[in-house]
C-alpha atoms as a PDB file:
ATOM      1  CA  MET A   1      19.522  47.989  45.828  1.00  0.00           C
ATOM      2  CA  THR A   2      16.312  46.448  47.142  1.00  0.00           C
ATOM      3  CA  MET A   3      14.963  42.793  46.664  1.00  0.00           C
ATOM      4  CA  ARG A   4      12.667  43.921  43.947  1.00  0.00           C
ATOM      5  CA  SER A   5      15.337  45.606  41.858  1.00  0.00           C
ATOM      6  CA  VAL A   6      17.661  42.609  42.271  1.00  0.00           C
ATOM      7  CA  MET A   7      14.972  40.185  40.804  1.00  0.00           C
ATOM      8  CA  LEU A   8      14.309  42.789  37.943  1.00  0.00           C
ATOM      9  CA  ALA A   9      17.882  43.108  37.226  1.00  0.00           C
ATOM     10  CA  ALA A  10      18.383  39.177  36.992  1.00  0.00           C
ATOM     11  CA  GLY A  11      15.177  39.036  34.768  1.00  0.00           C
ATOM     12  CA  ALA A  12      16.401  41.524  32.336  1.00  0.00           C
ATOM     13  CA  ALA A  13      19.810  39.775  32.286  1.00  0.00           C
ATOM     14  CA  ALA A  14      18.202  36.332  31.723  1.00  0.00           C
ATOM     15  CA  VAL A  15      15.970  37.925  28.687  1.00  0.00           C
ATOM     16  CA  GLY A  16      19.235  39.332  27.257  1.00  0.00           C
ATOM     17  CA  LEU A  17      20.764  36.001  27.304  1.00  0.00           C
ATOM     18  CA  ALA A  18      18.053  34.321  25.868  1.00  0.00           C
ATOM     19  CA  GLY A  19      18.157  36.616  22.842  1.00  0.00           C
ATOM     20  CA  CYS A  20      21.823  35.485  22.415  1.00  0.00           C
ATOM     21  CA  SER A  21      21.100  31.816  21.891  1.00  0.00           C
ATOM     22  CA  THR A  22      20.735  30.250  18.604  1.00  0.00           C
ATOM     23  CA  THR A  23      17.467  28.972  17.580  1.00  0.00           C
ATOM     24  CA  PRO A  24      17.575  26.806  14.437  1.00  0.00           C
ATOM     25  CA  SER A  25      15.444  27.910  11.754  1.00  0.00           C
ATOM     26  CA  ARG A  26      11.933  26.287  10.949  1.00  0.00           C
ATOM     27  CA  ASP A  27      13.223  24.631   8.009  1.00  0.00           C
ATOM     28  CA  ALA A  28      15.951  22.899  10.130  1.00  0.00           C
ATOM     29  CA  LEU A  29      13.320  21.687  12.512  1.00  0.00           C
ATOM     30  CA  VAL A  30      10.264  20.913   9.880  1.00  0.00           C
ATOM     31  CA  ALA A  31      10.946  18.105   7.148  1.00  0.00           C
ATOM     32  CA  GLU A  32       8.729  17.487   4.337  1.00  0.00           C
ATOM     33  CA  PRO A  33       7.502  13.743   4.516  1.00  0.00           C
ATOM     34  CA  SER A  34       9.244  11.669   1.945  1.00  0.00           C
ATOM     35  CA  ALA A  35       6.845  10.629  -0.851  1.00  0.00           C
ATOM     36  CA  CYS A  36       8.975   7.334  -1.060  1.00  0.00           C
ATOM     37  CA  ALA A  37       7.294   5.796   1.865  1.00  0.00           C
ATOM     38  CA  ALA A  38       4.715   2.655   2.266  1.00  0.00           C
ATOM     39  CA  LYS A  39       1.279   3.442   0.825  1.00  0.00           C
ATOM     40  CA  ARG A  40      -1.856   1.578   1.036  1.00  0.00           C
ATOM     41  CA  PHE A  41      -4.674   2.196  -1.457  1.00  0.00           C
ATOM     42  CA  ASP A  42      -7.821   0.580  -2.391  1.00  0.00           C
ATOM     43  CA  VAL A  43      -9.290   0.087  -6.163  1.00  0.00           C
ATOM     44  CA  TYR A  44     -13.124  -0.613  -6.239  1.00  0.00           C
ATOM     45  CA  PHE A  45     -14.960  -2.523  -8.905  1.00  0.00           C
ATOM     46  CA  ALA A  46     -18.658  -2.781  -9.850  1.00  0.00           C
ATOM     47  CA  GLU A  47     -20.202  -6.060  -8.845  1.00  0.00           C
ATOM     48  CA  ASP A  48     -19.170  -9.124 -10.899  1.00  0.00           C
ATOM     49  CA  GLN A  49     -16.680  -7.012 -12.718  1.00  0.00           C
ATOM     50  CA  ALA A  50     -12.829  -7.018 -13.074  1.00  0.00           C
ATOM     51  CA  GLN A  51     -12.566  -4.140 -15.287  1.00  0.00           C
ATOM     52  CA  LEU A  52     -11.018  -0.990 -14.094  1.00  0.00           C
ATOM     53  CA  THR A  53     -13.187   2.197 -13.809  1.00  0.00           C
ATOM     54  CA  ASP A  54     -12.219   5.509 -14.634  1.00  0.00           C
ATOM     55  CA  ALA A  55     -11.862   6.307 -10.930  1.00  0.00           C
ATOM     56  CA  ALA A  56      -9.582   3.204 -10.242  1.00  0.00           C
ATOM     57  CA  ARG A  57      -7.323   4.321 -13.305  1.00  0.00           C
ATOM     58  CA  THR A  58      -7.121   7.846 -11.826  1.00  0.00           C
ATOM     59  CA  ALA A  59      -6.099   6.270  -8.345  1.00  0.00           C
ATOM     60  CA  ILE A  60      -3.527   4.077  -9.894  1.00  0.00           C
ATOM     61  CA  GLY A  61      -2.252   7.048 -11.983  1.00  0.00           C
ATOM     62  CA  LEU A  62      -1.893   9.285  -8.872  1.00  0.00           C
ATOM     63  CA  THR A  63      -0.076   6.818  -6.789  1.00  0.00           C
ATOM     64  CA  ALA A  64       2.348   6.111  -9.772  1.00  0.00           C
ATOM     65  CA  THR A  65       3.240   9.787 -10.093  1.00  0.00           C
ATOM     66  CA  GLN A  66       3.669  10.282  -6.115  1.00  0.00           C
ATOM     67  CA  LEU A  67       6.128   7.364  -6.239  1.00  0.00           C
ATOM     68  CA  GLN A  68       8.294   8.393  -9.332  1.00  0.00           C
ATOM     69  CA  GLY A  69      11.828   8.466  -8.307  1.00  0.00           C
ATOM     70  CA  CYS A  70      11.417   6.008  -5.541  1.00  0.00           C
ATOM     71  CA  GLN A  71      12.610   2.497  -5.213  1.00  0.00           C
ATOM     72  CA  ILE A  72       9.585   0.336  -5.122  1.00  0.00           C
ATOM     73  CA  ARG A  73      10.695  -2.732  -3.149  1.00  0.00           C
ATOM     74  CA  THR A  74       7.332  -4.743  -3.138  1.00  0.00           C
ATOM     75  CA  VAL A  75       3.791  -4.232  -4.520  1.00  0.00           C
ATOM     76  CA  ARG A  76       1.253  -6.525  -2.661  1.00  0.00           C
ATOM     77  CA  VAL A  77      -2.163  -6.619  -4.619  1.00  0.00           C
ATOM     78  CA  LEU A  78      -4.812  -8.648  -2.822  1.00  0.00           C
ATOM     79  CA  GLY A  79      -7.965  -9.114  -4.827  1.00  0.00           C
ATOM     80  CA  LEU A  80     -11.269  -9.588  -2.845  1.00  0.00           C
ATOM     81  CA  ALA A  81     -14.971 -10.311  -3.608  1.00  0.00           C
ATOM     82  CA  SER A  82     -18.023 -10.054  -2.032  1.00  0.00           C
ATOM     83  CA  ALA A  83     -20.533 -13.012  -0.772  1.00  0.00           C
ATOM     84  CA  THR A  84     -22.664 -12.709  -3.917  1.00  0.00           C
ATOM     85  CA  GLY A  85     -22.426 -15.919  -5.947  1.00  0.00           C
ATOM     86  CA  SER A  86     -20.412 -19.178  -5.426  1.00  0.00           C
ATOM     87  CA  ALA A  87     -16.975 -19.482  -3.700  1.00  0.00           C
ATOM     88  CA  GLU A  88     -15.487 -20.681  -6.978  1.00  0.00           C
ATOM     89  CA  ALA A  89     -16.533 -17.793  -9.050  1.00  0.00           C
ATOM     90  CA  ASN A  90     -15.610 -15.254  -6.193  1.00  0.00           C
ATOM     91  CA  GLN A  91     -12.163 -16.859  -6.112  1.00  0.00           C
ATOM     92  CA  SER A  92     -11.907 -16.436  -9.825  1.00  0.00           C
ATOM     93  CA  LEU A  93     -13.072 -12.668  -9.663  1.00  0.00           C
ATOM     94  CA  SER A  94     -10.687 -11.747  -7.048  1.00  0.00           C
ATOM     95  CA  GLU A  95      -7.637 -13.137  -9.225  1.00  0.00           C
ATOM     96  CA  GLN A  96      -8.970 -11.328 -11.909  1.00  0.00           C
ATOM     97  CA  ARG A  97      -9.017  -7.849 -10.041  1.00  0.00           C
ATOM     98  CA  ALA A  98      -5.518  -8.395  -8.590  1.00  0.00           C
ATOM     99  CA  LEU A  99      -4.389  -9.190 -12.107  1.00  0.00           C
ATOM    100  CA  ALA A 100      -6.203  -6.078 -13.553  1.00  0.00           C
ATOM    101  CA  VAL A 101      -4.590  -3.750 -10.960  1.00  0.00           C
ATOM    102  CA  ALA A 102      -1.107  -5.568 -11.163  1.00  0.00           C
ATOM    103  CA  GLU A 103      -1.257  -4.832 -15.142  1.00  0.00           C
ATOM    104  CA  ALA A 104      -2.315  -1.174 -14.712  1.00  0.00           C
ATOM    105  CA  LEU A 105       0.722  -0.809 -12.296  1.00  0.00           C
ATOM    106  CA  VAL A 106       2.803  -2.341 -14.614  1.00  0.00           C
ATOM    107  CA  ALA A 107       1.714  -0.036 -17.654  1.00  0.00           C
ATOM    108  CA  ALA A 108       2.363   3.127 -15.171  1.00  0.00           C
ATOM    109  CA  GLY A 109       5.878   1.907 -15.064  1.00  0.00           C
ATOM    110  CA  TRP A 110       6.193   0.134 -11.947  1.00  0.00           C
ATOM    111  CA  PRO A 111       8.665  -2.905 -11.796  1.00  0.00           C
ATOM    112  CA  THR A 112       7.061  -6.306 -12.404  1.00  0.00           C
ATOM    113  CA  PRO A 113       9.457  -8.255  -9.964  1.00  0.00           C
ATOM    114  CA  ALA A 114       8.229  -6.390  -7.009  1.00  0.00           C
ATOM    115  CA  PHE A 115       4.709  -7.865  -7.289  1.00  0.00           C
ATOM    116  CA  GLU A 116       2.988 -10.257  -5.137  1.00  0.00           C
ATOM    117  CA  LEU A 117      -0.593 -11.109  -6.326  1.00  0.00           C
ATOM    118  CA  GLU A 118      -3.040 -12.747  -3.942  1.00  0.00           C
ATOM    119  CA  ALA A 119      -6.587 -13.475  -4.192  1.00  0.00           C
ATOM    120  CA  ALA A 120      -8.907 -14.146  -1.176  1.00  0.00           C
ATOM    121  CA  GLY A 121     -12.214 -14.435  -3.085  1.00  0.00           C
ATOM    122  CA  ASP A 122     -15.207 -14.165  -0.676  1.00  0.00           C
ATOM    123  CA  GLN A 123     -13.324 -15.292   2.457  1.00  0.00           C
ATOM    124  CA  GLY A 124     -14.265 -12.946   5.251  1.00  0.00           C
ATOM    125  CA  ALA A 125     -16.989 -11.175   2.866  1.00  0.00           C
ATOM    126  CA  THR A 126     -19.564 -12.191   5.534  1.00  0.00           C
ATOM    127  CA  THR A 127     -19.037 -11.126   9.159  1.00  0.00           C
ATOM    128  CA  PRO A 128     -19.386 -13.830  12.076  1.00  0.00           C
ATOM    129  CA  THR A 129     -22.976 -12.337  12.506  1.00  0.00           C
ATOM    130  CA  GLY A 130     -23.875 -12.955   8.856  1.00  0.00           C
ATOM    131  CA  VAL A 131     -23.674  -9.343   7.434  1.00  0.00           C
ATOM    132  CA  ALA A 132     -22.382  -9.085   4.107  1.00  0.00           C
ATOM    133  CA  GLU A 133     -19.482  -6.719   3.138  1.00  0.00           C
ATOM    134  CA  PRO A 134     -20.298  -5.287  -0.294  1.00  0.00           C
ATOM    135  CA  LEU A 135     -16.981  -2.956   0.085  1.00  0.00           C
ATOM    136  CA  ARG A 136     -15.186  -6.142  -0.415  1.00  0.00           C
ATOM    137  CA  ARG A 137     -15.700  -5.635  -4.151  1.00  0.00           C
ATOM    138  CA  ARG A 138     -12.045  -4.296  -4.419  1.00  0.00           C
ATOM    139  CA  THR A 139      -8.283  -5.076  -4.355  1.00  0.00           C
ATOM    140  CA  GLU A 140      -5.927  -3.767  -1.648  1.00  0.00           C
ATOM    141  CA  VAL A 141      -2.740  -2.352  -2.889  1.00  0.00           C
ATOM    142  CA  LEU A 142       0.214  -2.122  -0.342  1.00  0.00           C
ATOM    143  CA  VAL A 143       3.321  -0.640  -1.483  1.00  0.00           C
ATOM    144  CA  ASP A 144       6.613  -0.568   0.211  1.00  0.00           C
ATOM    145  CA  ALA A 145       8.759   2.135  -1.384  1.00  0.00           C
ATOM    146  CA  ALA A 146      11.939   3.730  -0.281  1.00  0.00           C
ATOM    147  CA  PRO A 147      14.047   6.747  -1.413  1.00  0.00           C
ATOM    148  CA  LEU A 148      16.584   5.935  -4.209  1.00  0.00           C
END
């Protein structure tokens, strides 16, 4: 037997043995991500407003639907405001925004003991270089959820 035929025979044996190994199925290797995980979403408001828009209600409803059947551990709702207006008015507005979102989540069936409401007012609404941040007209919602 020549060296070439020995190498070909060894290669064929290796290929034959590889076919005998048990390869796990794709389903065993790829898992669906759990819907019951931490989520973050923002709810935006019009300037000087704390009423939920239709888009905000839709975002809240979609997230509530995604988390059905999950244990909701905590829900942190942080109300924010832009730098337009007085600091006192912006603090009050951010509090109203946080409360409006929390009330909508409770109406969607979320557990009230899990809520942590915070309001930052216009703190941080202007960058150190003096640029106003209009996208601060929102609430940030951070949800800690886990499978039941």
